[in-house]
Amino acid sequence: MGARTLQRMAAENDVRGHNARAAFGFRESVAKIGLRETLRNRDSKFGDGRVRVNGPEFRDEEGRLTDG
């Protein structure tokens, strides 16, 4: 695959991503409630992202790591 072909494919994927329904919804949410709250809403379902490596993990009902 040549460099030009790769650049064209990357440009097409970029356009698809920016024109996706989810991208429009994200921009609307940023306009209504702001970037910080939009990111908080988007990321809330993933918990805090921390991993315990020296013992069992204790998490609350929302998936957030607790001290046990």
Protein backbone atom coordinates (compact mmCIF):
# COMPACT_ATOMS: atom_id res chain seq x y z
CA MET A 1 0.00 0.00 0.00
CA GLY A 2 1.44 3.35 -1.02
CA ALA A 3 1.66 6.50 1.04
CA ARG A 4 -0.95 8.30 -1.06
CA THR A 5 -3.42 5.46 -0.67
CA LEU A 6 -2.84 5.39 3.06
CA GLN A 7 -3.34 9.18 3.29
CA ARG A 8 -6.59 8.96 1.32
CA MET A 9 -7.90 6.18 3.54
CA ALA A 10 -6.96 8.14 6.67
CA ALA A 11 -8.77 11.22 5.35
CA GLU A 12 -11.89 9.16 4.60
CA ASN A 13 -11.89 7.64 8.09
CA ASP A 14 -11.42 11.09 9.62
CA VAL A 15 -14.45 12.43 7.75
CA ARG A 16 -16.55 9.43 8.79
CA GLY A 17 -15.60 9.93 12.42
CA HIS A 18 -16.35 13.65 12.43
CA ASN A 19 -19.69 13.15 10.66
CA ALA A 20 -20.90 10.25 12.81
CA ARG A 21 -24.10 10.67 14.81
CA ALA A 22 -22.19 10.23 18.07
CA ALA A 23 -19.81 13.06 17.15
CA PHE A 24 -22.72 15.43 16.48
CA GLY A 25 -24.29 14.45 19.79
CA PHE A 26 -21.01 15.06 21.59
CA ARG A 27 -20.68 18.55 20.08
CA GLU A 28 -24.28 19.38 20.98
CA SER A 29 -23.68 18.25 24.55
CA VAL A 30 -20.54 20.41 24.79
CA ALA A 31 -22.53 23.41 23.56
CA LYS A 32 -25.33 22.80 26.09
CA ILE A 33 -23.54 21.75 29.27
CA GLY A 34 -19.84 22.39 28.60
CA LEU A 35 -16.84 20.21 27.91
CA ARG A 36 -16.06 19.20 31.49
CA GLU A 37 -19.57 17.89 32.22
CA THR A 38 -19.82 16.22 28.80
CA LEU A 39 -16.56 14.36 29.42
CA ARG A 40 -17.69 13.44 32.92
CA ASN A 41 -20.95 12.01 31.53
CA ARG A 42 -19.09 10.10 28.80
CA ASP A 43 -16.51 8.61 31.15
CA SER A 44 -18.74 7.90 34.17
CA LYS A 45 -19.66 4.40 33.00
CA PHE A 46 -16.00 3.29 33.02
CA GLY A 47 -15.20 3.87 36.70
CA ASP A 48 -11.96 5.46 37.81
CA GLY A 49 -9.63 3.31 35.70
CA ARG A 50 -7.36 2.30 38.59
CA VAL A 51 -6.17 -1.28 39.01
CA ARG A 52 -5.09 -2.90 42.27
CA VAL A 53 -2.05 -5.15 41.80
CA ASN A 54 -1.24 -6.13 45.41
CA GLY A 55 -4.40 -7.75 46.68
CA PRO A 56 -8.08 -8.05 45.82
CA GLU A 57 -9.98 -5.16 44.29
CA PHE A 58 -12.96 -3.81 46.19
CA ARG A 59 -15.35 -1.73 44.13
CA ASP A 60 -18.61 0.04 44.88
CA GLU A 61 -21.86 -0.42 42.92
CA GLU A 62 -20.69 2.11 40.32
CA GLY A 63 -17.42 0.26 39.67
CA ARG A 64 -15.18 2.72 41.51
CA LEU A 65 -12.23 1.32 43.45
CA THR A 66 -12.60 1.56 47.24
CA ASP A 67 -10.15 0.84 50.04
CA GLY A 68 -12.04 -2.22 51.17
